[in-house]
């Protein structure tokens, strides 16, 4: 089974995934990458900040980047609506 590495670029820092995860296919890799990005976004929001310039880059076992998930693309930002009383 292929091994995939989920590297995080946030606020100018790079956090490398040294272990990786075995996942059967690229579609599941994408699903997990988006879910993990959203988990990180939620944790950041609980701490009072959103770093939407963060990216989750997925590399294969040869080190080639196969997915690049921008956090800004992992969520929908819905503007607030003014209410009229």
PDB file of N, CA and C in Angstrom:
ATOM      1  N   UNK A   1       0.848  -1.175   0.000  1.00  0.00           N
ATOM      2  CA  UNK A   1       0.000   0.000   0.000  1.00  0.00           C
ATOM      3  C   UNK A   1       0.896   1.241   0.000  1.00  0.00           C
ATOM      4  N   UNK A   2       0.534   2.256  -0.782  1.00  0.00           N
ATOM      5  CA  UNK A   2       1.361   3.467  -0.850  1.00  0.00           C
ATOM      6  C   UNK A   2       1.366   4.241   0.468  1.00  0.00           C
ATOM      7  N   UNK A   3       2.475   4.916   0.724  1.00  0.00           N
ATOM      8  CA  UNK A   3       2.616   5.768   1.912  1.00  0.00           C
ATOM      9  C   UNK A   3       2.638   7.220   1.437  1.00  0.00           C
ATOM     10  N   UNK A   4       1.871   8.051   2.141  1.00  0.00           N
ATOM     11  CA  UNK A   4       1.726   9.465   1.798  1.00  0.00           C
ATOM     12  C   UNK A   4       2.155  10.313   2.991  1.00  0.00           C
ATOM     13  N   UNK A   5       2.789  11.437   2.695  1.00  0.00           N
ATOM     14  CA  UNK A   5       3.321  12.334   3.728  1.00  0.00           C
ATOM     15  C   UNK A   5       2.593  13.671   3.640  1.00  0.00           C
ATOM     16  N   UNK A   6       2.062  14.117   4.769  1.00  0.00           N
ATOM     17  CA  UNK A   6       1.257  15.329   4.837  1.00  0.00           C
ATOM     18  C   UNK A   6       2.093  16.434   5.491  1.00  0.00           C
ATOM     19  N   UNK A   7       2.666  17.313   4.668  1.00  0.00           N
ATOM     20  CA  UNK A   7       3.529  18.394   5.153  1.00  0.00           C
ATOM     21  C   UNK A   7       2.703  19.673   5.292  1.00  0.00           C
ATOM     22  N   UNK A   8       2.952  20.412   6.356  1.00  0.00           N
ATOM     23  CA  UNK A   8       2.179  21.608   6.662  1.00  0.00           C
ATOM     24  C   UNK A   8       3.052  22.849   6.524  1.00  0.00           C
ATOM     25  N   UNK A   9       2.578  23.821   5.734  1.00  0.00           N
ATOM     26  CA  UNK A   9       3.223  25.123   5.613  1.00  0.00           C
ATOM     27  C   UNK A   9       2.322  26.134   6.306  1.00  0.00           C
ATOM     28  N   UNK A  10       2.791  26.735   7.412  1.00  0.00           N
ATOM     29  CA  UNK A  10       1.969  27.688   8.148  1.00  0.00           C
ATOM     30  C   UNK A  10       2.834  28.818   8.688  1.00  0.00           C
ATOM     31  N   UNK A  11       2.393  30.050   8.404  1.00  0.00           N
ATOM     32  CA  UNK A  11       3.049  31.253   8.925  1.00  0.00           C
ATOM     33  C   UNK A  11       4.553  31.242   8.658  1.00  0.00           C
ATOM     34  N   UNK A  12       4.939  30.809   7.472  1.00  0.00           N
ATOM     35  CA  UNK A  12       6.347  30.789   7.096  1.00  0.00           C
ATOM     36  C   UNK A  12       7.128  29.597   7.601  1.00  0.00           C
ATOM     37  N   UNK A  13       6.488  28.721   8.344  1.00  0.00           N
ATOM     38  CA  UNK A  13       7.158  27.531   8.873  1.00  0.00           C
ATOM     39  C   UNK A  13       6.733  26.290   8.096  1.00  0.00           C
ATOM     40  N   UNK A  14       7.634  25.343   8.014  1.00  0.00           N
ATOM     41  CA  UNK A  14       7.360  24.060   7.376  1.00  0.00           C
ATOM     42  C   UNK A  14       7.446  22.968   8.427  1.00  0.00           C
ATOM     43  N   UNK A  15       6.381  22.214   8.565  1.00  0.00           N
ATOM     44  CA  UNK A  15       6.360  21.063   9.468  1.00  0.00           C
ATOM     45  C   UNK A  15       6.281  19.811   8.607  1.00  0.00           C
ATOM     46  N   UNK A  16       7.362  19.045   8.595  1.00  0.00           N
ATOM     47  CA  UNK A  16       7.408  17.835   7.780  1.00  0.00           C
ATOM     48  C   UNK A  16       6.777  16.664   8.519  1.00  0.00           C
ATOM     49  N   UNK A  17       6.085  15.842   7.780  1.00  0.00           N
ATOM     50  CA  UNK A  17       5.515  14.602   8.305  1.00  0.00           C
ATOM     51  C   UNK A  17       6.564  13.508   8.123  1.00  0.00           C
ATOM     52  N   UNK A  18       7.228  13.080   9.193  1.00  0.00           N
ATOM     53  CA  UNK A  18       8.307  12.106   9.051  1.00  0.00           C
ATOM     54  C   UNK A  18       7.832  10.660   8.902  1.00  0.00           C
ATOM     55  N   UNK A  19       6.583  10.385   9.284  1.00  0.00           N
ATOM     56  CA  UNK A  19       6.100   9.005   9.293  1.00  0.00           C
ATOM     57  C   UNK A  19       5.218   8.658   8.111  1.00  0.00           C
ATOM     58  N   UNK A  20       4.366   9.568   7.720  1.00  0.00           N
ATOM     59  CA  UNK A  20       3.431   9.290   6.645  1.00  0.00           C
ATOM     60  C   UNK A  20       2.323   8.349   7.081  1.00  0.00           C
ATOM     61  N   UNK A  21       1.402   8.121   6.152  1.00  0.00           N
ATOM     62  CA  UNK A  21       0.241   7.276   6.400  1.00  0.00           C
ATOM     63  C   UNK A  21       0.022   6.408   5.168  1.00  0.00           C
ATOM     64  N   UNK A  22      -0.280   5.148   5.393  1.00  0.00           N
ATOM     65  CA  UNK A  22      -0.602   4.261   4.276  1.00  0.00           C
ATOM     66  C   UNK A  22      -2.073   4.427   3.919  1.00  0.00           C
ATOM     67  N   UNK A  23      -2.314   4.787   2.668  1.00  0.00           N
ATOM     68  CA  UNK A  23      -3.673   4.976   2.155  1.00  0.00           C
ATOM     69  C   UNK A  23      -3.702   4.381   0.751  1.00  0.00           C
ATOM     70  N   UNK A  24      -4.772   3.670   0.439  1.00  0.00           N
ATOM     71  CA  UNK A  24      -4.838   2.895  -0.799  1.00  0.00           C
ATOM     72  C   UNK A  24      -4.864   3.741  -2.069  1.00  0.00           C
ATOM     73  N   UNK A  25      -5.636   4.830  -2.082  1.00  0.00           N
ATOM     74  CA  UNK A  25      -5.770   5.558  -3.349  1.00  0.00           C
ATOM     75  C   UNK A  25      -5.771   7.066  -3.138  1.00  0.00           C
ATOM     76  N   UNK A  26      -5.521   7.773  -4.226  1.00  0.00           N
ATOM     77  CA  UNK A  26      -5.381   9.225  -4.176  1.00  0.00           C
ATOM     78  C   UNK A  26      -6.685   9.922  -3.793  1.00  0.00           C
ATOM     79  N   UNK A  27      -7.826   9.368  -4.157  1.00  0.00           N
ATOM     80  CA  UNK A  27      -9.104   9.975  -3.781  1.00  0.00           C
ATOM     81  C   UNK A  27      -9.251  10.008  -2.259  1.00  0.00           C
ATOM     82  N   UNK A  28      -8.873   8.930  -1.592  1.00  0.00           N
ATOM     83  CA  UNK A  28      -8.935   8.891  -0.125  1.00  0.00           C
ATOM     84  C   UNK A  28      -7.898   9.831   0.488  1.00  0.00           C
ATOM     85  N   UNK A  29      -6.745   9.955  -0.149  1.00  0.00           N
ATOM     86  CA  UNK A  29      -5.717  10.895   0.314  1.00  0.00           C
ATOM     87  C   UNK A  29      -6.286  12.311   0.309  1.00  0.00           C
ATOM     88  N   UNK A  30      -6.963  12.687  -0.776  1.00  0.00           N
ATOM     89  CA  UNK A  30      -7.556  14.020  -0.886  1.00  0.00           C
ATOM     90  C   UNK A  30      -8.623  14.224   0.196  1.00  0.00           C
ATOM     91  N   UNK A  31      -9.471  13.232   0.391  1.00  0.00           N
ATOM     92  CA  UNK A  31     -10.521  13.323   1.408  1.00  0.00           C
ATOM     93  C   UNK A  31      -9.916  13.557   2.787  1.00  0.00           C
ATOM     94  N   UNK A  32      -8.890  12.801   3.121  1.00  0.00           N
ATOM     95  CA  UNK A  32      -8.246  12.958   4.435  1.00  0.00           C
ATOM     96  C   UNK A  32      -7.525  14.292   4.547  1.00  0.00           C
ATOM     97  N   UNK A  33      -6.876  14.733   3.479  1.00  0.00           N
ATOM     98  CA  UNK A  33      -6.154  16.009   3.514  1.00  0.00           C
ATOM     99  C   UNK A  33      -7.112  17.164   3.791  1.00  0.00           C
ATOM    100  N   UNK A  34      -8.250  17.175   3.113  1.00  0.00           N
ATOM    101  CA  UNK A  34      -9.233  18.238   3.334  1.00  0.00           C
ATOM    102  C   UNK A  34      -9.787  18.154   4.757  1.00  0.00           C
ATOM    103  N   UNK A  35     -10.077  16.947   5.239  1.00  0.00           N
ATOM    104  CA  UNK A  35     -10.587  16.783   6.609  1.00  0.00           C
ATOM    105  C   UNK A  35      -9.562  17.257   7.631  1.00  0.00           C
ATOM    106  N   UNK A  36      -8.292  16.900   7.440  1.00  0.00           N
ATOM    107  CA  UNK A  36      -7.251  17.332   8.380  1.00  0.00           C
ATOM    108  C   UNK A  36      -7.055  18.840   8.326  1.00  0.00           C
ATOM    109  N   UNK A  37      -7.132  19.422   7.116  1.00  0.00           N
ATOM    110  CA  UNK A  37      -7.030  20.877   6.997  1.00  0.00           C
ATOM    111  C   UNK A  37      -8.153  21.542   7.787  1.00  0.00           C
ATOM    112  N   UNK A  38      -9.365  21.018   7.657  1.00  0.00           N
ATOM    113  CA  UNK A  38     -10.500  21.591   8.384  1.00  0.00           C
ATOM    114  C   UNK A  38     -10.357  21.416   9.891  1.00  0.00           C
ATOM    115  N   UNK A  39      -9.799  20.300  10.326  1.00  0.00           N
ATOM    116  CA  UNK A  39      -9.542  20.104  11.758  1.00  0.00           C
ATOM    117  C   UNK A  39      -8.559  21.148  12.283  1.00  0.00           C
ATOM    118  N   UNK A  40      -7.517  21.419  11.518  1.00  0.00           N
ATOM    119  CA  UNK A  40      -6.517  22.416  11.927  1.00  0.00           C
ATOM    120  C   UNK A  40      -7.135  23.809  11.927  1.00  0.00           C
ATOM    121  N   UNK A  41      -7.940  24.115  10.907  1.00  0.00           N
ATOM    122  CA  UNK A  41      -8.627  25.406  10.842  1.00  0.00           C
ATOM    123  C   UNK A  41      -9.519  25.582  12.073  1.00  0.00           C
ATOM    124  N   UNK A  42     -10.250  24.538  12.440  1.00  0.00           N
ATOM    125  CA  UNK A  42     -11.136  24.609  13.612  1.00  0.00           C
ATOM    126  C   UNK A  42     -10.333  24.849  14.888  1.00  0.00           C
ATOM    127  N   UNK A  43      -9.212  24.169  15.032  1.00  0.00           N
ATOM    128  CA  UNK A  43      -8.363  24.365  16.213  1.00  0.00           C
ATOM    129  C   UNK A  43      -7.809  25.785  16.247  1.00  0.00           C
ATOM    130  N   UNK A  44      -7.367  26.285  15.092  1.00  0.00           N
ATOM    131  CA  UNK A  44      -6.872  27.661  15.028  1.00  0.00           C
ATOM    132  C   UNK A  44      -7.973  28.648  15.412  1.00  0.00           C
ATOM    133  N   UNK A  45      -9.191  28.427  14.920  1.00  0.00           N
ATOM    134  CA  UNK A  45     -10.307  29.322  15.231  1.00  0.00           C
ATOM    135  C   UNK A  45     -10.605  29.311  16.728  1.00  0.00           C
ATOM    136  N   UNK A  46     -10.538  28.136  17.360  1.00  0.00           N
ATOM    137  CA  UNK A  46     -10.758  28.065  18.812  1.00  0.00           C
ATOM    138  C   UNK A  46      -9.700  28.866  19.566  1.00  0.00           C
ATOM    139  N   UNK A  47      -8.516  28.990  18.970  1.00  0.00           N
ATOM    140  CA  UNK A  47      -7.439  29.767  19.590  1.00  0.00           C
ATOM    141  C   UNK A  47      -7.466  31.231  19.166  1.00  0.00           C
ATOM    142  N   UNK A  48      -8.469  31.612  18.367  1.00  0.00           N
ATOM    143  CA  UNK A  48      -8.675  33.009  18.045  1.00  0.00           C
ATOM    144  C   UNK A  48      -8.014  33.519  16.785  1.00  0.00           C
ATOM    145  N   UNK A  49      -7.518  32.642  15.930  1.00  0.00           N
ATOM    146  CA  UNK A  49      -6.870  33.102  14.699  1.00  0.00           C
ATOM    147  C   UNK A  49      -7.111  32.098  13.578  1.00  0.00           C
ATOM    148  N   UNK A  50      -7.222  32.613  12.362  1.00  0.00           N
ATOM    149  CA  UNK A  50      -7.315  31.757  11.178  1.00  0.00           C
ATOM    150  C   UNK A  50      -6.136  32.073  10.269  1.00  0.00           C
ATOM    151  N   UNK A  51      -5.399  31.063   9.919  1.00  0.00           N
ATOM    152  CA  UNK A  51      -4.254  31.216   9.024  1.00  0.00           C
ATOM    153  C   UNK A  51      -4.632  30.623   7.673  1.00  0.00           C
ATOM    154  N   UNK A  52      -5.380  31.383   6.885  1.00  0.00           N
ATOM    155  CA  UNK A  52      -5.884  30.861   5.625  1.00  0.00           C
ATOM    156  C   UNK A  52      -4.820  30.785   4.541  1.00  0.00           C
ATOM    157  N   UNK A  53      -3.609  31.283   4.826  1.00  0.00           N
ATOM    158  CA  UNK A  53      -2.516  31.122   3.865  1.00  0.00           C
ATOM    159  C   UNK A  53      -1.766  29.805   4.095  1.00  0.00           C
ATOM    160  N   UNK A  54      -2.236  29.008   5.049  1.00  0.00           N
ATOM    161  CA  UNK A  54      -1.622  27.709   5.339  1.00  0.00           C
ATOM    162  C   UNK A  54      -1.947  26.726   4.227  1.00  0.00           C
ATOM    163  N   UNK A  55      -1.027  25.787   3.992  1.00  0.00           N
ATOM    164  CA  UNK A  55      -1.203  24.763   2.962  1.00  0.00           C
ATOM    165  C   UNK A  55      -0.844  23.406   3.533  1.00  0.00           C
ATOM    166  N   UNK A  56      -1.532  22.404   3.072  1.00  0.00           N
ATOM    167  CA  UNK A  56      -1.202  21.021   3.380  1.00  0.00           C
ATOM    168  C   UNK A  56      -0.753  20.389   2.067  1.00  0.00           C
ATOM    169  N   UNK A  57       0.517  20.052   1.995  1.00  0.00           N
ATOM    170  CA  UNK A  57       1.082  19.460   0.782  1.00  0.00           C
ATOM    171  C   UNK A  57       1.301  17.977   1.024  1.00  0.00           C
ATOM    172  N   UNK A  58       0.772  17.172   0.135  1.00  0.00           N
ATOM    173  CA  UNK A  58       0.885  15.722   0.265  1.00  0.00           C
ATOM    174  C   UNK A  58       1.920  15.230  -0.734  1.00  0.00           C
ATOM    175  N   UNK A  59       2.880  14.459  -0.215  1.00  0.00           N
ATOM    176  CA  UNK A  59       3.946  13.906  -1.054  1.00  0.00           C
ATOM    177  C   UNK A  59       3.860  12.385  -1.050  1.00  0.00           C
ATOM    178  N   UNK A  60       4.294  11.788  -2.157  1.00  0.00           N
ATOM    179  CA  UNK A  60       4.345  10.328  -2.221  1.00  0.00           C
ATOM    180  C   UNK A  60       5.653   9.835  -1.615  1.00  0.00           C
ATOM    181  N   UNK A  61       5.878   8.538  -1.667  1.00  0.00           N
ATOM    182  CA  UNK A  61       7.063   7.968  -1.013  1.00  0.00           C
ATOM    183  C   UNK A  61       8.374   8.312  -1.716  1.00  0.00           C
ATOM    184  N   UNK A  62       8.296   8.949  -2.892  1.00  0.00           N
ATOM    185  CA  UNK A  62       9.500   9.432  -3.576  1.00  0.00           C
ATOM    186  C   UNK A  62       9.762  10.909  -3.292  1.00  0.00           C
ATOM    187  N   UNK A  63       8.829  11.535  -2.555  1.00  0.00           N
ATOM    188  CA  UNK A  63       8.982  12.945  -2.217  1.00  0.00           C
ATOM    189  C   UNK A  63       8.302  13.898  -3.178  1.00  0.00           C
ATOM    190  N   UNK A  64       7.643  13.363  -4.201  1.00  0.00           N
ATOM    191  CA  UNK A  64       6.956  14.209  -5.180  1.00  0.00           C
ATOM    192  C   UNK A  64       5.621  14.688  -4.605  1.00  0.00           C
ATOM    193  N   UNK A  65       5.354  15.983  -4.717  1.00  0.00           N
ATOM    194  CA  UNK A  65       4.081  16.534  -4.258  1.00  0.00           C
ATOM    195  C   UNK A  65       2.975  16.104  -5.211  1.00  0.00           C
ATOM    196  N   UNK A  66       1.930  15.488  -4.651  1.00  0.00           N
ATOM    197  CA  UNK A  66       0.811  15.020  -5.468  1.00  0.00           C
ATOM    198  C   UNK A  66      -0.457  15.825  -5.220  1.00  0.00           C
ATOM    199  N   UNK A  67      -0.535  16.484  -4.071  1.00  0.00           N
ATOM    200  CA  UNK A  67      -1.666  17.351  -3.743  1.00  0.00           C
ATOM    201  C   UNK A  67      -1.160  18.559  -2.981  1.00  0.00           C
ATOM    202  N   UNK A  68      -1.801  19.691  -3.218  1.00  0.00           N
ATOM    203  CA  UNK A  68      -1.484  20.922  -2.503  1.00  0.00           C
ATOM    204  C   UNK A  68      -2.820  21.555  -2.126  1.00  0.00           C
ATOM    205  N   UNK A  69      -3.190  21.428  -0.865  1.00  0.00           N
ATOM    206  CA  UNK A  69      -4.492  21.898  -0.396  1.00  0.00           C
ATOM    207  C   UNK A  69      -4.310  23.221   0.345  1.00  0.00           C
ATOM    208  N   UNK A  70      -4.791  24.306  -0.253  1.00  0.00           N
ATOM    209  CA  UNK A  70      -4.776  25.604   0.421  1.00  0.00           C
ATOM    210  C   UNK A  70      -5.930  25.635   1.421  1.00  0.00           C
ATOM    211  N   UNK A  71      -5.649  26.063   2.640  1.00  0.00           N
ATOM    212  CA  UNK A  71      -6.697  26.104   3.652  1.00  0.00           C
ATOM    213  C   UNK A  71      -7.849  26.999   3.213  1.00  0.00           C
ATOM    214  N   UNK A  72      -7.547  28.071   2.506  1.00  0.00           N
ATOM    215  CA  UNK A  72      -8.597  28.967   2.026  1.00  0.00           C
ATOM    216  C   UNK A  72      -9.551  28.249   1.079  1.00  0.00           C
ATOM    217  N   UNK A  73      -9.077  27.186   0.421  1.00  0.00           N
ATOM    218  CA  UNK A  73      -9.921  26.412  -0.490  1.00  0.00           C
ATOM    219  C   UNK A  73     -10.625  25.248   0.207  1.00  0.00           C
ATOM    220  N   UNK A  74     -10.247  24.960   1.444  1.00  0.00           N
ATOM    221  CA  UNK A  74     -10.812  23.820   2.167  1.00  0.00           C
ATOM    222  C   UNK A  74     -12.107  24.172   2.892  1.00  0.00           C
ATOM    223  N   UNK A  75     -12.407  25.463   2.956  1.00  0.00           N
ATOM    224  CA  UNK A  75     -13.635  25.907   3.619  1.00  0.00           C
ATOM    225  C   UNK A  75     -14.332  26.941   2.747  1.00  0.00           C
ATOM    226  N   UNK A  76     -15.603  27.145   3.015  1.00  0.00           N
ATOM    227  CA  UNK A  76     -16.354  28.217   2.366  1.00  0.00           C
ATOM    228  C   UNK A  76     -16.481  29.352   3.378  1.00  0.00           C
ATOM    229  N   UNK A  77     -16.040  30.530   2.991  1.00  0.00           N
ATOM    230  CA  UNK A  77     -16.185  31.703   3.852  1.00  0.00           C
ATOM    231  C   UNK A  77     -17.458  32.413   3.406  1.00  0.00           C
ATOM    232  N   UNK A  78     -18.436  32.426   4.292  1.00  0.00           N
ATOM    233  CA  UNK A  78     -19.737  32.993   3.971  1.00  0.00           C
ATOM    234  C   UNK A  78     -19.853  34.335   4.678  1.00  0.00           C
ATOM    235  N   UNK A  79     -19.980  35.423   3.907  1.00  0.00           N
ATOM    236  CA  UNK A  79     -20.073  36.732   4.552  1.00  0.00           C
ATOM    237  C   UNK A  79     -21.366  36.846   5.359  1.00  0.00           C
ATOM    238  N   UNK A  80     -21.295  37.633   6.423  1.00  0.00           N
ATOM    239  CA  UNK A  80     -22.480  37.853   7.252  1.00  0.00           C
ATOM    240  C   UNK A  80     -23.517  38.681   6.511  1.00  0.00           C
ATOM    241  N   UNK A  81     -24.715  38.588   6.989  1.00  0.00           N
ATOM    242  CA  UNK A  81     -25.799  39.360   6.378  1.00  0.00           C
ATOM    243  C   UNK A  81     -26.290  40.384   7.390  1.00  0.00           C
ATOM    244  N   UNK A  82     -26.496  41.595   6.906  1.00  0.00           N
ATOM    245  CA  UNK A  82     -27.087  42.620   7.763  1.00  0.00           C
ATOM    246  C   UNK A  82     -28.566  42.291   7.938  1.00  0.00           C
ATOM    247  N   UNK A  83     -29.057  42.481   9.137  1.00  0.00           N
ATOM    248  CA  UNK A  83     -30.479  42.257   9.378  1.00  0.00           C
ATOM    249  C   UNK A  83     -31.169  43.593   9.570  1.00  0.00           C
ATOM    250  N   UNK A  84     -32.359  43.673   9.066  1.00  0.00           N
ATOM    251  CA  UNK A  84     -33.155  44.891   9.204  1.00  0.00           C
ATOM    252  C   UNK A  84     -34.301  44.570  10.144  1.00  0.00           C
ATOM    253  N   UNK A  85     -34.417  45.379  11.191  1.00  0.00           N
ATOM    254  CA  UNK A  85     -35.485  45.133  12.174  1.00  0.00           C
ATOM    255  C   UNK A  85     -36.753  45.827  11.778  1.00  0.00           C
TER     256      UNK A  85
END
